[in-house]
PDB file of N, CA and C in Angstrom:
ATOM      1  N   UNK A   1      62.612 -40.958  -3.540  1.00  0.00           N
ATOM      2  CA  UNK A   1      62.629 -41.972  -2.494  1.00  0.00           C
ATOM      3  C   UNK A   1      63.947 -41.960  -1.761  1.00  0.00           C
ATOM      4  N   UNK A   2      63.856 -42.207  -0.465  1.00  0.00           N
ATOM      5  CA  UNK A   2      65.057 -42.267   0.312  1.00  0.00           C
ATOM      6  C   UNK A   2      65.698 -43.627   0.149  1.00  0.00           C
ATOM      7  N   UNK A   3      66.941 -43.726   0.643  1.00  0.00           N
ATOM      8  CA  UNK A   3      67.680 -44.967   0.485  1.00  0.00           C
ATOM      9  C   UNK A   3      67.000 -46.128   1.202  1.00  0.00           C
ATOM     10  N   UNK A   4      66.456 -45.847   2.393  1.00  0.00           N
ATOM     11  CA  UNK A   4      65.813 -46.945   3.165  1.00  0.00           C
ATOM     12  C   UNK A   4      64.502 -47.380   2.496  1.00  0.00           C
ATOM     13  N   UNK A   5      63.744 -46.430   1.916  1.00  0.00           N
ATOM     14  CA  UNK A   5      62.520 -46.820   1.231  1.00  0.00           C
ATOM     15  C   UNK A   5      62.805 -47.626  -0.057  1.00  0.00           C
ATOM     16  N   UNK A   6      63.882 -47.259  -0.751  1.00  0.00           N
ATOM     17  CA  UNK A   6      64.263 -48.017  -1.945  1.00  0.00           C
ATOM     18  C   UNK A   6      64.660 -49.417  -1.520  1.00  0.00           C
ATOM     19  N   UNK A   7      65.446 -49.550  -0.449  1.00  0.00           N
ATOM     20  CA  UNK A   7      65.819 -50.872   0.009  1.00  0.00           C
ATOM     21  C   UNK A   7      64.618 -51.709   0.450  1.00  0.00           C
ATOM     22  N   UNK A   8      63.649 -51.061   1.056  1.00  0.00           N
ATOM     23  CA  UNK A   8      62.425 -51.742   1.498  1.00  0.00           C
ATOM     24  C   UNK A   8      61.663 -52.236   0.262  1.00  0.00           C
ATOM     25  N   UNK A   9      61.514 -51.388  -0.748  1.00  0.00           N
ATOM     26  CA  UNK A   9      60.810 -51.794  -1.958  1.00  0.00           C
ATOM     27  C   UNK A   9      61.549 -52.947  -2.655  1.00  0.00           C
ATOM     28  N   UNK A  10      62.853 -52.832  -2.718  1.00  0.00           N
ATOM     29  CA  UNK A  10      63.622 -53.893  -3.359  1.00  0.00           C
ATOM     30  C   UNK A  10      63.529 -55.204  -2.595  1.00  0.00           C
ATOM     31  N   UNK A  11      63.610 -55.151  -1.274  1.00  0.00           N
ATOM     32  CA  UNK A  11      63.532 -56.377  -0.487  1.00  0.00           C
ATOM     33  C   UNK A  11      62.148 -56.953  -0.583  1.00  0.00           C
ATOM     34  N   UNK A  12      61.119 -56.110  -0.647  1.00  0.00           N
ATOM     35  CA  UNK A  12      59.752 -56.636  -0.815  1.00  0.00           C
ATOM     36  C   UNK A  12      59.604 -57.336  -2.168  1.00  0.00           C
ATOM     37  N   UNK A  13      60.203 -56.725  -3.226  1.00  0.00           N
ATOM     38  CA  UNK A  13      60.142 -57.323  -4.560  1.00  0.00           C
ATOM     39  C   UNK A  13      60.899 -58.658  -4.606  1.00  0.00           C
ATOM     40  N   UNK A  14      62.048 -58.675  -3.946  1.00  0.00           N
ATOM     41  CA  UNK A  14      62.844 -59.911  -3.913  1.00  0.00           C
ATOM     42  C   UNK A  14      62.062 -61.032  -3.202  1.00  0.00           C
ATOM     43  N   UNK A  15      61.502 -60.694  -2.077  1.00  0.00           N
ATOM     44  CA  UNK A  15      60.727 -61.692  -1.295  1.00  0.00           C
ATOM     45  C   UNK A  15      59.510 -62.175  -2.123  1.00  0.00           C
ATOM     46  N   UNK A  16      58.849 -61.191  -2.757  1.00  0.00           N
ATOM     47  CA  UNK A  16      57.674 -61.541  -3.584  1.00  0.00           C
ATOM     48  C   UNK A  16      58.069 -62.478  -4.727  1.00  0.00           C
ATOM     49  N   UNK A  17      59.169 -62.180  -5.391  1.00  0.00           N
ATOM     50  CA  UNK A  17      59.609 -63.019  -6.498  1.00  0.00           C
ATOM     51  C   UNK A  17      60.042 -64.382  -6.013  1.00  0.00           C
ATOM     52  N   UNK A  18      60.722 -64.436  -4.876  1.00  0.00           N
ATOM     53  CA  UNK A  18      61.154 -65.712  -4.321  1.00  0.00           C
ATOM     54  C   UNK A  18      59.930 -66.590  -3.960  1.00  0.00           C
ATOM     55  N   UNK A  19      58.960 -66.018  -3.313  1.00  0.00           N
ATOM     56  CA  UNK A  19      57.760 -66.750  -2.927  1.00  0.00           C
ATOM     57  C   UNK A  19      57.052 -67.218  -4.194  1.00  0.00           C
ATOM     58  N   UNK A  20      56.972 -66.379  -5.195  1.00  0.00           N
ATOM     59  CA  UNK A  20      56.317 -66.712  -6.460  1.00  0.00           C
ATOM     60  C   UNK A  20      57.058 -67.915  -7.103  1.00  0.00           C
ATOM     61  N   UNK A  21      58.388 -67.854  -7.129  1.00  0.00           N
ATOM     62  CA  UNK A  21      59.162 -68.928  -7.722  1.00  0.00           C
ATOM     63  C   UNK A  21      58.955 -70.240  -6.964  1.00  0.00           C
ATOM     64  N   UNK A  22      58.940 -70.155  -5.645  1.00  0.00           N
ATOM     65  CA  UNK A  22      58.759 -71.369  -4.829  1.00  0.00           C
ATOM     66  C   UNK A  22      57.345 -71.898  -4.971  1.00  0.00           C
ATOM     67  N   UNK A  23      56.367 -71.026  -5.113  1.00  0.00           N
ATOM     68  CA  UNK A  23      55.006 -71.473  -5.301  1.00  0.00           C
ATOM     69  C   UNK A  23      54.830 -72.218  -6.629  1.00  0.00           C
ATOM     70  N   UNK A  24      55.499 -71.677  -7.670  1.00  0.00           N
ATOM     71  CA  UNK A  24      55.444 -72.357  -8.971  1.00  0.00           C
ATOM     72  C   UNK A  24      56.085 -73.722  -8.874  1.00  0.00           C
ATOM     73  N   UNK A  25      57.185 -73.820  -8.167  1.00  0.00           N
ATOM     74  CA  UNK A  25      57.887 -75.100  -7.988  1.00  0.00           C
ATOM     75  C   UNK A  25      57.003 -76.103  -7.299  1.00  0.00           C
ATOM     76  N   UNK A  26      56.282 -75.631  -6.260  1.00  0.00           N
ATOM     77  CA  UNK A  26      55.384 -76.509  -5.524  1.00  0.00           C
ATOM     78  C   UNK A  26      54.212 -76.936  -6.382  1.00  0.00           C
ATOM     79  N   UNK A  27      53.671 -75.989  -7.182  1.00  0.00           N
ATOM     80  CA  UNK A  27      52.516 -76.302  -8.035  1.00  0.00           C
ATOM     81  C   UNK A  27      52.891 -77.349  -9.071  1.00  0.00           C
ATOM     82  N   UNK A  28      54.154 -77.432  -9.448  1.00  0.00           N
ATOM     83  CA  UNK A  28      54.588 -78.438 -10.420  1.00  0.00           C
ATOM     84  C   UNK A  28      54.897 -79.804  -9.743  1.00  0.00           C
ATOM     85  N   UNK A  29      54.735 -79.816  -8.406  1.00  0.00           N
ATOM     86  CA  UNK A  29      54.928 -81.056  -7.684  1.00  0.00           C
ATOM     87  C   UNK A  29      56.335 -81.357  -7.294  1.00  0.00           C
ATOM     88  N   UNK A  30      57.198 -80.358  -7.432  1.00  0.00           N
ATOM     89  CA  UNK A  30      58.613 -80.571  -7.092  1.00  0.00           C
ATOM     90  C   UNK A  30      58.823 -80.375  -5.603  1.00  0.00           C
ATOM     91  N   UNK A  31      59.844 -81.029  -5.066  1.00  0.00           N
ATOM     92  CA  UNK A  31      60.168 -80.870  -3.645  1.00  0.00           C
ATOM     93  C   UNK A  31      61.012 -79.627  -3.451  1.00  0.00           C
ATOM     94  N   UNK A  32      60.821 -79.030  -2.275  1.00  0.00           N
ATOM     95  CA  UNK A  32      61.627 -77.860  -1.942  1.00  0.00           C
ATOM     96  C   UNK A  32      62.857 -78.291  -1.111  1.00  0.00           C
ATOM     97  N   UNK A  33      63.935 -77.619  -1.327  1.00  0.00           N
ATOM     98  CA  UNK A  33      65.139 -77.893  -0.547  1.00  0.00           C
ATOM     99  C   UNK A  33      64.935 -77.358   0.869  1.00  0.00           C
ATOM    100  N   UNK A  34      65.803 -77.750   1.773  1.00  0.00           N
ATOM    101  CA  UNK A  34      65.745 -77.230   3.150  1.00  0.00           C
ATOM    102  C   UNK A  34      65.894 -75.722   3.191  1.00  0.00           C
ATOM    103  N   UNK A  35      66.749 -75.183   2.342  1.00  0.00           N
ATOM    104  CA  UNK A  35      66.967 -73.729   2.277  1.00  0.00           C
ATOM    105  C   UNK A  35      65.708 -73.026   1.813  1.00  0.00           C
ATOM    106  N   UNK A  36      65.024 -73.613   0.815  1.00  0.00           N
ATOM    107  CA  UNK A  36      63.807 -73.037   0.333  1.00  0.00           C
ATOM    108  C   UNK A  36      62.697 -73.083   1.366  1.00  0.00           C
ATOM    109  N   UNK A  37      62.579 -74.178   2.104  1.00  0.00           N
ATOM    110  CA  UNK A  37      61.628 -74.278   3.168  1.00  0.00           C
ATOM    111  C   UNK A  37      61.917 -73.211   4.255  1.00  0.00           C
ATOM    112  N   UNK A  38      63.207 -73.123   4.580  1.00  0.00           N
ATOM    113  CA  UNK A  38      63.604 -72.086   5.562  1.00  0.00           C
ATOM    114  C   UNK A  38      63.276 -70.686   5.061  1.00  0.00           C
ATOM    115  N   UNK A  39      63.465 -70.453   3.781  1.00  0.00           N
ATOM    116  CA  UNK A  39      63.112 -69.155   3.187  1.00  0.00           C
ATOM    117  C   UNK A  39      61.614 -68.868   3.372  1.00  0.00           C
ATOM    118  N   UNK A  40      60.827 -69.858   3.077  1.00  0.00           N
ATOM    119  CA  UNK A  40      59.351 -69.684   3.242  1.00  0.00           C
ATOM    120  C   UNK A  40      58.982 -69.418   4.679  1.00  0.00           C
ATOM    121  N   UNK A  41      59.600 -70.140   5.590  1.00  0.00           N
ATOM    122  CA  UNK A  41      59.355 -69.918   7.006  1.00  0.00           C
ATOM    123  C   UNK A  41      59.743 -68.495   7.398  1.00  0.00           C
ATOM    124  N   UNK A  42      60.944 -68.034   6.961  1.00  0.00           N
ATOM    125  CA  UNK A  42      61.365 -66.676   7.279  1.00  0.00           C
ATOM    126  C   UNK A  42      60.446 -65.639   6.688  1.00  0.00           C
ATOM    127  N   UNK A  43      59.969 -65.900   5.459  1.00  0.00           N
ATOM    128  CA  UNK A  43      58.998 -64.948   4.858  1.00  0.00           C
ATOM    129  C   UNK A  43      57.734 -64.861   5.703  1.00  0.00           C
ATOM    130  N   UNK A  44      57.234 -66.013   6.194  1.00  0.00           N
ATOM    131  CA  UNK A  44      56.044 -66.000   7.009  1.00  0.00           C
ATOM    132  C   UNK A  44      56.296 -65.287   8.324  1.00  0.00           C
ATOM    133  N   UNK A  45      57.498 -65.488   8.897  1.00  0.00           N
ATOM    134  CA  UNK A  45      57.825 -64.812  10.155  1.00  0.00           C
ATOM    135  C   UNK A  45      57.901 -63.281   9.973  1.00  0.00           C
ATOM    136  N   UNK A  46      58.562 -62.889   8.866  1.00  0.00           N
ATOM    137  CA  UNK A  46      58.676 -61.436   8.571  1.00  0.00           C
ATOM    138  C   UNK A  46      57.298 -60.879   8.368  1.00  0.00           C
ATOM    139  N   UNK A  47      56.442 -61.562   7.615  1.00  0.00           N
ATOM    140  CA  UNK A  47      55.079 -61.105   7.400  1.00  0.00           C
ATOM    141  C   UNK A  47      54.330 -60.911   8.703  1.00  0.00           C
ATOM    142  N   UNK A  48      54.480 -61.893   9.573  1.00  0.00           N
ATOM    143  CA  UNK A  48      53.792 -61.834  10.875  1.00  0.00           C
ATOM    144  C   UNK A  48      54.345 -60.679  11.708  1.00  0.00           C
ATOM    145  N   UNK A  49      55.649 -60.473  11.668  1.00  0.00           N
ATOM    146  CA  UNK A  49      56.236 -59.328  12.430  1.00  0.00           C
ATOM    147  C   UNK A  49      55.685 -58.009  11.878  1.00  0.00           C
ATOM    148  N   UNK A  50      55.628 -57.883  10.547  1.00  0.00           N
ATOM    149  CA  UNK A  50      55.118 -56.654   9.969  1.00  0.00           C
ATOM    150  C   UNK A  50      53.641 -56.454  10.365  1.00  0.00           C
ATOM    151  N   UNK A  51      52.854 -57.536  10.348  1.00  0.00           N
ATOM    152  CA  UNK A  51      51.452 -57.380  10.766  1.00  0.00           C
ATOM    153  C   UNK A  51      51.354 -56.935  12.224  1.00  0.00           C
ATOM    154  N   UNK A  52      52.186 -57.526  13.084  1.00  0.00           N
ATOM    155  CA  UNK A  52      52.199 -57.172  14.489  1.00  0.00           C
ATOM    156  C   UNK A  52      52.649 -55.736  14.665  1.00  0.00           C
ATOM    157  N   UNK A  53      53.632 -55.325  13.905  1.00  0.00           N
ATOM    158  CA  UNK A  53      54.124 -53.925  13.995  1.00  0.00           C
ATOM    159  C   UNK A  53      52.998 -52.968  13.605  1.00  0.00           C
ATOM    160  N   UNK A  54      52.269 -53.283  12.551  1.00  0.00           N
ATOM    161  CA  UNK A  54      51.143 -52.415  12.128  1.00  0.00           C
ATOM    162  C   UNK A  54      50.057 -52.406  13.196  1.00  0.00           C
ATOM    163  N   UNK A  55      49.801 -53.589  13.755  1.00  0.00           N
ATOM    164  CA  UNK A  55      48.781 -53.647  14.838  1.00  0.00           C
ATOM    165  C   UNK A  55      49.210 -52.810  16.053  1.00  0.00           C
ATOM    166  N   UNK A  56      50.462 -52.915  16.429  1.00  0.00           N
ATOM    167  CA  UNK A  56      50.970 -52.199  17.604  1.00  0.00           C
ATOM    168  C   UNK A  56      50.955 -50.684  17.283  1.00  0.00           C
ATOM    169  N   UNK A  57      51.362 -50.293  16.083  1.00  0.00           N
ATOM    170  CA  UNK A  57      51.343 -48.896  15.737  1.00  0.00           C
ATOM    171  C   UNK A  57      49.920 -48.310  15.803  1.00  0.00           C
ATOM    172  N   UNK A  58      48.956 -49.149  15.311  1.00  0.00           N
ATOM    173  CA  UNK A  58      47.549 -48.687  15.358  1.00  0.00           C
ATOM    174  C   UNK A  58      47.083 -48.553  16.783  1.00  0.00           C
ATOM    175  N   UNK A  59      47.465 -49.492  17.632  1.00  0.00           N
ATOM    176  CA  UNK A  59      47.091 -49.436  19.040  1.00  0.00           C
ATOM    177  C   UNK A  59      47.703 -48.263  19.759  1.00  0.00           C
ATOM    178  N   UNK A  60      48.967 -47.971  19.421  1.00  0.00           N
ATOM    179  CA  UNK A  60      49.640 -46.815  20.059  1.00  0.00           C
ATOM    180  C   UNK A  60      48.956 -45.535  19.605  1.00  0.00           C
ATOM    181  N   UNK A  61      48.609 -45.448  18.325  1.00  0.00           N
ATOM    182  CA  UNK A  61      47.904 -44.265  17.866  1.00  0.00           C
ATOM    183  C   UNK A  61      46.556 -44.098  18.546  1.00  0.00           C
ATOM    184  N   UNK A  62      45.829 -45.217  18.696  1.00  0.00           N
ATOM    185  CA  UNK A  62      44.554 -45.189  19.386  1.00  0.00           C
ATOM    186  C   UNK A  62      44.724 -44.765  20.849  1.00  0.00           C
ATOM    187  N   UNK A  63      45.745 -45.306  21.500  1.00  0.00           N
ATOM    188  CA  UNK A  63      46.015 -44.947  22.874  1.00  0.00           C
ATOM    189  C   UNK A  63      46.401 -43.496  23.011  1.00  0.00           C
ATOM    190  N   UNK A  64      47.196 -42.988  22.069  1.00  0.00           N
ATOM    191  CA  UNK A  64      47.578 -41.588  22.107  1.00  0.00           C
ATOM    192  C   UNK A  64      46.346 -40.692  21.953  1.00  0.00           C
ATOM    193  N   UNK A  65      45.453 -41.042  21.010  1.00  0.00           N
ATOM    194  CA  UNK A  65      44.238 -40.282  20.801  1.00  0.00           C
ATOM    195  C   UNK A  65      43.372 -40.288  22.087  1.00  0.00           C
ATOM    196  N   UNK A  66      43.272 -41.468  22.703  1.00  0.00           N
ATOM    197  CA  UNK A  66      42.473 -41.612  23.934  1.00  0.00           C
ATOM    198  C   UNK A  66      43.075 -40.756  25.037  1.00  0.00           C
ATOM    199  N   UNK A  67      44.400 -40.809  25.177  1.00  0.00           N
ATOM    200  CA  UNK A  67      45.053 -40.011  26.231  1.00  0.00           C
ATOM    201  C   UNK A  67      44.902 -38.545  25.967  1.00  0.00           C
ATOM    202  N   UNK A  68      45.004 -38.115  24.705  1.00  0.00           N
ATOM    203  CA  UNK A  68      44.806 -36.720  24.401  1.00  0.00           C
ATOM    204  C   UNK A  68      43.422 -36.250  24.754  1.00  0.00           C
ATOM    205  N   UNK A  69      42.418 -37.079  24.478  1.00  0.00           N
ATOM    206  CA  UNK A  69      41.068 -36.758  24.821  1.00  0.00           C
ATOM    207  C   UNK A  69      40.881 -36.668  26.358  1.00  0.00           C
ATOM    208  N   UNK A  70      41.503 -37.603  27.076  1.00  0.00           N
ATOM    209  CA  UNK A  70      41.387 -37.582  28.528  1.00  0.00           C
ATOM    210  C   UNK A  70      42.059 -36.348  29.114  1.00  0.00           C
ATOM    211  N   UNK A  71      43.253 -35.977  28.595  1.00  0.00           N
ATOM    212  CA  UNK A  71      43.940 -34.802  29.059  1.00  0.00           C
ATOM    213  C   UNK A  71      43.098 -33.523  28.771  1.00  0.00           C
ATOM    214  N   UNK A  72      42.493 -33.504  27.611  1.00  0.00           N
ATOM    215  CA  UNK A  72      41.615 -32.366  27.232  1.00  0.00           C
ATOM    216  C   UNK A  72      40.445 -32.290  28.224  1.00  0.00           C
ATOM    217  N   UNK A  73      39.852 -33.471  28.505  1.00  0.00           N
ATOM    218  CA  UNK A  73      38.738 -33.479  29.485  1.00  0.00           C
ATOM    219  C   UNK A  73      39.163 -32.978  30.850  1.00  0.00           C
ATOM    220  N   UNK A  74      40.385 -33.436  31.295  1.00  0.00           N
ATOM    221  CA  UNK A  74      40.866 -33.000  32.598  1.00  0.00           C
ATOM    222  C   UNK A  74      41.180 -31.525  32.601  1.00  0.00           C
ATOM    223  N   UNK A  75      41.725 -30.993  31.519  1.00  0.00           N
ATOM    224  CA  UNK A  75      41.959 -29.565  31.444  1.00  0.00           C
ATOM    225  C   UNK A  75      40.654 -28.752  31.516  1.00  0.00           C
ATOM    226  N   UNK A  76      39.656 -29.265  30.840  1.00  0.00           N
ATOM    227  CA  UNK A  76      38.339 -28.613  30.912  1.00  0.00           C
ATOM    228  C   UNK A  76      37.761 -28.668  32.334  1.00  0.00           C
ATOM    229  N   UNK A  77      37.955 -29.813  32.999  1.00  0.00           N
ATOM    230  CA  UNK A  77      37.461 -29.914  34.373  1.00  0.00           C
ATOM    231  C   UNK A  77      38.205 -28.957  35.286  1.00  0.00           C
ATOM    232  N   UNK A  78      39.535 -28.878  35.114  1.00  0.00           N
ATOM    233  CA  UNK A  78      40.346 -27.933  35.916  1.00  0.00           C
ATOM    234  C   UNK A  78      39.899 -26.487  35.692  1.00  0.00           C
ATOM    235  N   UNK A  79      39.686 -26.145  34.390  1.00  0.00           N
ATOM    236  CA  UNK A  79      39.223 -24.786  34.090  1.00  0.00           C
ATOM    237  C   UNK A  79      37.878 -24.530  34.708  1.00  0.00           C
ATOM    238  N   UNK A  80      36.972 -25.520  34.648  1.00  0.00           N
ATOM    239  CA  UNK A  80      35.671 -25.371  35.249  1.00  0.00           C
ATOM    240  C   UNK A  80      35.757 -25.174  36.763  1.00  0.00           C
ATOM    241  N   UNK A  81      36.645 -25.964  37.405  1.00  0.00           N
ATOM    242  CA  UNK A  81      36.832 -25.819  38.866  1.00  0.00           C
ATOM    243  C   UNK A  81      37.429 -24.460  39.198  1.00  0.00           C
ATOM    244  N   UNK A  82      38.387 -23.956  38.366  1.00  0.00           N
ATOM    245  CA  UNK A  82      38.978 -22.652  38.608  1.00  0.00           C
ATOM    246  C   UNK A  82      37.891 -21.559  38.471  1.00  0.00           C
ATOM    247  N   UNK A  83      37.041 -21.721  37.460  1.00  0.00           N
ATOM    248  CA  UNK A  83      35.959 -20.738  37.293  1.00  0.00           C
ATOM    249  C   UNK A  83      35.044 -20.770  38.476  1.00  0.00           C
ATOM    250  N   UNK A  84      34.721 -21.973  38.954  1.00  0.00           N
ATOM    251  CA  UNK A  84      33.876 -22.120  40.134  1.00  0.00           C
ATOM    252  C   UNK A  84      34.493 -21.473  41.355  1.00  0.00           C
ATOM    253  N   UNK A  85      35.826 -21.672  41.538  1.00  0.00           N
ATOM    254  CA  UNK A  85      36.518 -21.082  42.684  1.00  0.00           C
ATOM    255  C   UNK A  85      36.531 -19.557  42.561  1.00  0.00           C
ATOM    256  N   UNK A  86      36.709 -19.031  41.362  1.00  0.00           N
ATOM    257  CA  UNK A  86      36.657 -17.579  41.181  1.00  0.00           C
ATOM    258  C   UNK A  86      35.288 -17.019  41.533  1.00  0.00           C
ATOM    259  N   UNK A  87      34.247 -17.749  41.087  1.00  0.00           N
ATOM    260  CA  UNK A  87      32.902 -17.339  41.409  1.00  0.00           C
ATOM    261  C   UNK A  87      32.646 -17.364  42.865  1.00  0.00           C
ATOM    262  N   UNK A  88      33.113 -18.425  43.565  1.00  0.00           N
ATOM    263  CA  UNK A  88      32.978 -18.498  45.028  1.00  0.00           C
ATOM    264  C   UNK A  88      33.730 -17.382  45.727  1.00  0.00           C
ATOM    265  N   UNK A  89      34.898 -17.042  45.242  1.00  0.00           N
ATOM    266  CA  UNK A  89      35.656 -15.957  45.847  1.00  0.00           C
ATOM    267  C   UNK A  89      34.909 -14.626  45.726  1.00  0.00           C
ATOM    268  N   UNK A  90      34.294 -14.412  44.559  1.00  0.00           N
ATOM    269  CA  UNK A  90      33.490 -13.200  44.372  1.00  0.00           C
ATOM    270  C   UNK A  90      32.319 -13.176  45.321  1.00  0.00           C
ATOM    271  N   UNK A  91      31.652 -14.329  45.439  1.00  0.00           N
ATOM    272  CA  UNK A  91      30.482 -14.366  46.355  1.00  0.00           C
ATOM    273  C   UNK A  91      30.895 -14.155  47.773  1.00  0.00           C
ATOM    274  N   UNK A  92      32.061 -14.742  48.171  1.00  0.00           N
ATOM    275  CA  UNK A  92      32.539 -14.554  49.551  1.00  0.00           C
ATOM    276  C   UNK A  92      32.867 -13.077  49.771  1.00  0.00           C
ATOM    277  N   UNK A  93      33.492 -12.433  48.742  1.00  0.00           N
ATOM    278  CA  UNK A  93      33.763 -10.981  48.853  1.00  0.00           C
ATOM    279  C   UNK A  93      32.491 -10.194  49.020  1.00  0.00           C
ATOM    280  N   UNK A  94      31.467 -10.540  48.277  1.00  0.00           N
ATOM    281  CA  UNK A  94      30.177  -9.880  48.407  1.00  0.00           C
ATOM    282  C   UNK A  94      29.579 -10.093  49.799  1.00  0.00           C
ATOM    283  N   UNK A  95      29.668 -11.344  50.294  1.00  0.00           N
ATOM    284  CA  UNK A  95      29.161 -11.618  51.626  1.00  0.00           C
ATOM    285  C   UNK A  95      29.921 -10.853  52.698  1.00  0.00           C
ATOM    286  N   UNK A  96      31.225 -10.738  52.514  1.00  0.00           N
ATOM    287  CA  UNK A  96      32.046  -9.986  53.497  1.00  0.00           C
ATOM    288  C   UNK A  96      31.611  -8.521  53.503  1.00  0.00           C
ATOM    289  N   UNK A  97      31.338  -7.982  52.332  1.00  0.00           N
ATOM    290  CA  UNK A  97      30.846  -6.588  52.248  1.00  0.00           C
ATOM    291  C   UNK A  97      29.514  -6.419  52.951  1.00  0.00           C
ATOM    292  N   UNK A  98      28.636  -7.395  52.727  1.00  0.00           N
ATOM    293  CA  UNK A  98      27.318  -7.328  53.414  1.00  0.00           C
ATOM    294  C   UNK A  98      27.454  -7.455  54.891  1.00  0.00           C
ATOM    295  N   UNK A  99      28.389  -8.313  55.373  1.00  0.00           N
ATOM    296  CA  UNK A  99      28.582  -8.443  56.796  1.00  0.00           C
ATOM    297  C   UNK A  99      29.164  -7.146  57.389  1.00  0.00           C
ATOM    298  N   UNK A 100      30.062  -6.492  56.647  1.00  0.00           N
ATOM    299  CA  UNK A 100      30.578  -5.205  57.108  1.00  0.00           C
ATOM    300  C   UNK A 100      29.448  -4.170  57.203  1.00  0.00           C
ATOM    301  N   UNK A 101      28.599  -4.155  56.208  1.00  0.00           N
ATOM    302  CA  UNK A 101      27.466  -3.227  56.233  1.00  0.00           C
ATOM    303  C   UNK A 101      26.553  -3.515  57.417  1.00  0.00           C
ATOM    304  N   UNK A 102      26.282  -4.815  57.621  1.00  0.00           N
ATOM    305  CA  UNK A 102      25.405  -5.172  58.799  1.00  0.00           C
ATOM    306  C   UNK A 102      26.099  -4.803  60.114  1.00  0.00           C
ATOM    307  N   UNK A 103      27.388  -5.012  60.227  1.00  0.00           N
ATOM    308  CA  UNK A 103      28.100  -4.614  61.442  1.00  0.00           C
ATOM    309  C   UNK A 103      27.990  -3.111  61.687  1.00  0.00           C
ATOM    310  N   UNK A 104      28.162  -2.347  60.608  1.00  0.00           N
ATOM    311  CA  UNK A 104      28.029  -0.890  60.733  1.00  0.00           C
ATOM    312  C   UNK A 104      26.619  -0.493  61.197  1.00  0.00           C
ATOM    313  N   UNK A 105      25.613  -1.148  60.556  1.00  0.00           N
ATOM    314  CA  UNK A 105      24.245  -0.850  60.931  1.00  0.00           C
ATOM    315  C   UNK A 105      23.962  -1.225  62.386  1.00  0.00           C
ATOM    316  N   UNK A 106      24.479  -2.398  62.773  1.00  0.00           N
ATOM    317  CA  UNK A 106      24.277  -2.834  64.204  1.00  0.00           C
ATOM    318  C   UNK A 106      24.964  -1.831  65.129  1.00  0.00           C
ATOM    319  N   UNK A 107      26.192  -1.421  64.744  1.00  0.00           N
ATOM    320  CA  UNK A 107      26.892  -0.421  65.545  1.00  0.00           C
ATOM    321  C   UNK A 107      26.072   0.888  65.666  1.00  0.00           C
ATOM    322  N   UNK A 108      25.476   1.311  64.549  1.00  0.00           N
ATOM    323  CA  UNK A 108      24.694   2.533  64.583  1.00  0.00           C
ATOM    324  C   UNK A 108      23.473   2.329  65.430  1.00  0.00           C
ATOM    325  N   UNK A 109      22.822   1.141  65.359  1.00  0.00           N
ATOM    326  CA  UNK A 109      21.658   0.877  66.220  1.00  0.00           C
ATOM    327  C   UNK A 109      22.034   0.840  67.685  1.00  0.00           C
ATOM    328  N   UNK A 110      23.206   0.288  67.992  1.00  0.00           N
ATOM    329  CA  UNK A 110      23.656   0.265  69.418  1.00  0.00           C
ATOM    330  C   UNK A 110      23.866   1.696  69.934  1.00  0.00           C
ATOM    331  N   UNK A 111      24.424   2.547  69.078  1.00  0.00           N
ATOM    332  CA  UNK A 111      24.659   3.924  69.472  1.00  0.00           C
ATOM    333  C   UNK A 111      23.312   4.615  69.714  1.00  0.00           C
ATOM    334  N   UNK A 112      22.333   4.350  68.841  1.00  0.00           N
ATOM    335  CA  UNK A 112      21.031   4.953  69.024  1.00  0.00           C
ATOM    336  C   UNK A 112      20.339   4.449  70.289  1.00  0.00           C
ATOM    337  N   UNK A 113      20.497   3.140  70.557  1.00  0.00           N
ATOM    338  CA  UNK A 113      19.908   2.572  71.797  1.00  0.00           C
ATOM    339  C   UNK A 113      20.591   3.212  73.013  1.00  0.00           C
ATOM    340  N   UNK A 114      21.920   3.319  72.939  1.00  0.00           N
ATOM    341  CA  UNK A 114      22.647   3.955  74.050  1.00  0.00           C
ATOM    342  C   UNK A 114      22.165   5.392  74.217  1.00  0.00           C
ATOM    343  N   UNK A 115      21.956   6.112  73.115  1.00  0.00           N
ATOM    344  CA  UNK A 115      21.527   7.487  73.192  1.00  0.00           C
ATOM    345  C   UNK A 115      20.110   7.528  73.821  1.00  0.00           C
ATOM    346  N   UNK A 116      19.269   6.592  73.410  1.00  0.00           N
ATOM    347  CA  UNK A 116      17.895   6.579  73.995  1.00  0.00           C
ATOM    348  C   UNK A 116      17.944   6.239  75.481  1.00  0.00           C
ATOM    349  N   UNK A 117      18.820   5.296  75.846  1.00  0.00           N
ATOM    350  CA  UNK A 117      18.945   4.941  77.285  1.00  0.00           C
ATOM    351  C   UNK A 117      19.436   6.152  78.082  1.00  0.00           C
ATOM    352  N   UNK A 118      20.338   6.884  77.503  1.00  0.00           N
ATOM    353  CA  UNK A 118      20.854   8.082  78.195  1.00  0.00           C
ATOM    354  C   UNK A 118      19.742   9.135  78.333  1.00  0.00           C
ATOM    355  N   UNK A 119      18.908   9.276  77.361  1.00  0.00           N
ATOM    356  CA  UNK A 119      17.785  10.229  77.401  1.00  0.00           C
ATOM    357  C   UNK A 119      16.753   9.812  78.421  1.00  0.00           C
ATOM    358  N   UNK A 120      16.551   8.484  78.550  1.00  0.00           N
ATOM    359  CA  UNK A 120      15.535   8.007  79.436  1.00  0.00           C
ATOM    360  C   UNK A 120      16.046   8.166  80.924  1.00  0.00           C
ATOM    361  N   UNK A 121      17.278   8.055  81.130  1.00  0.00           N
ATOM    362  CA  UNK A 121      17.826   8.184  82.516  1.00  0.00           C
ATOM    363  C   UNK A 121      17.847   9.564  82.931  1.00  0.00           C
TER     364      UNK A 121
END
């Protein structure tokens, strides 16, 4: 155990024993001193703070998990868009090749028409 965990365990034991002692005193019908009442109030405040800390830690963990999932989703969307763009670029390249082929064929047809016109004249 580390020094801080030993201190935490000891302080928890001390608080537990103090609350137990005060509970026994109350169960016997004895009055608590102002210091003892203040001790109980402080114990309740510390307990509440610990509960809130645990709640906040759980919420932060949940939020981190949610954000990780959202970032993963966005990365997948970006990858999908990049794949779509690559596919479009390939299709555009194919269309450009087809247009070049058509231009060459039209050029060849124009030459043939010109040759036929020259023969007819």
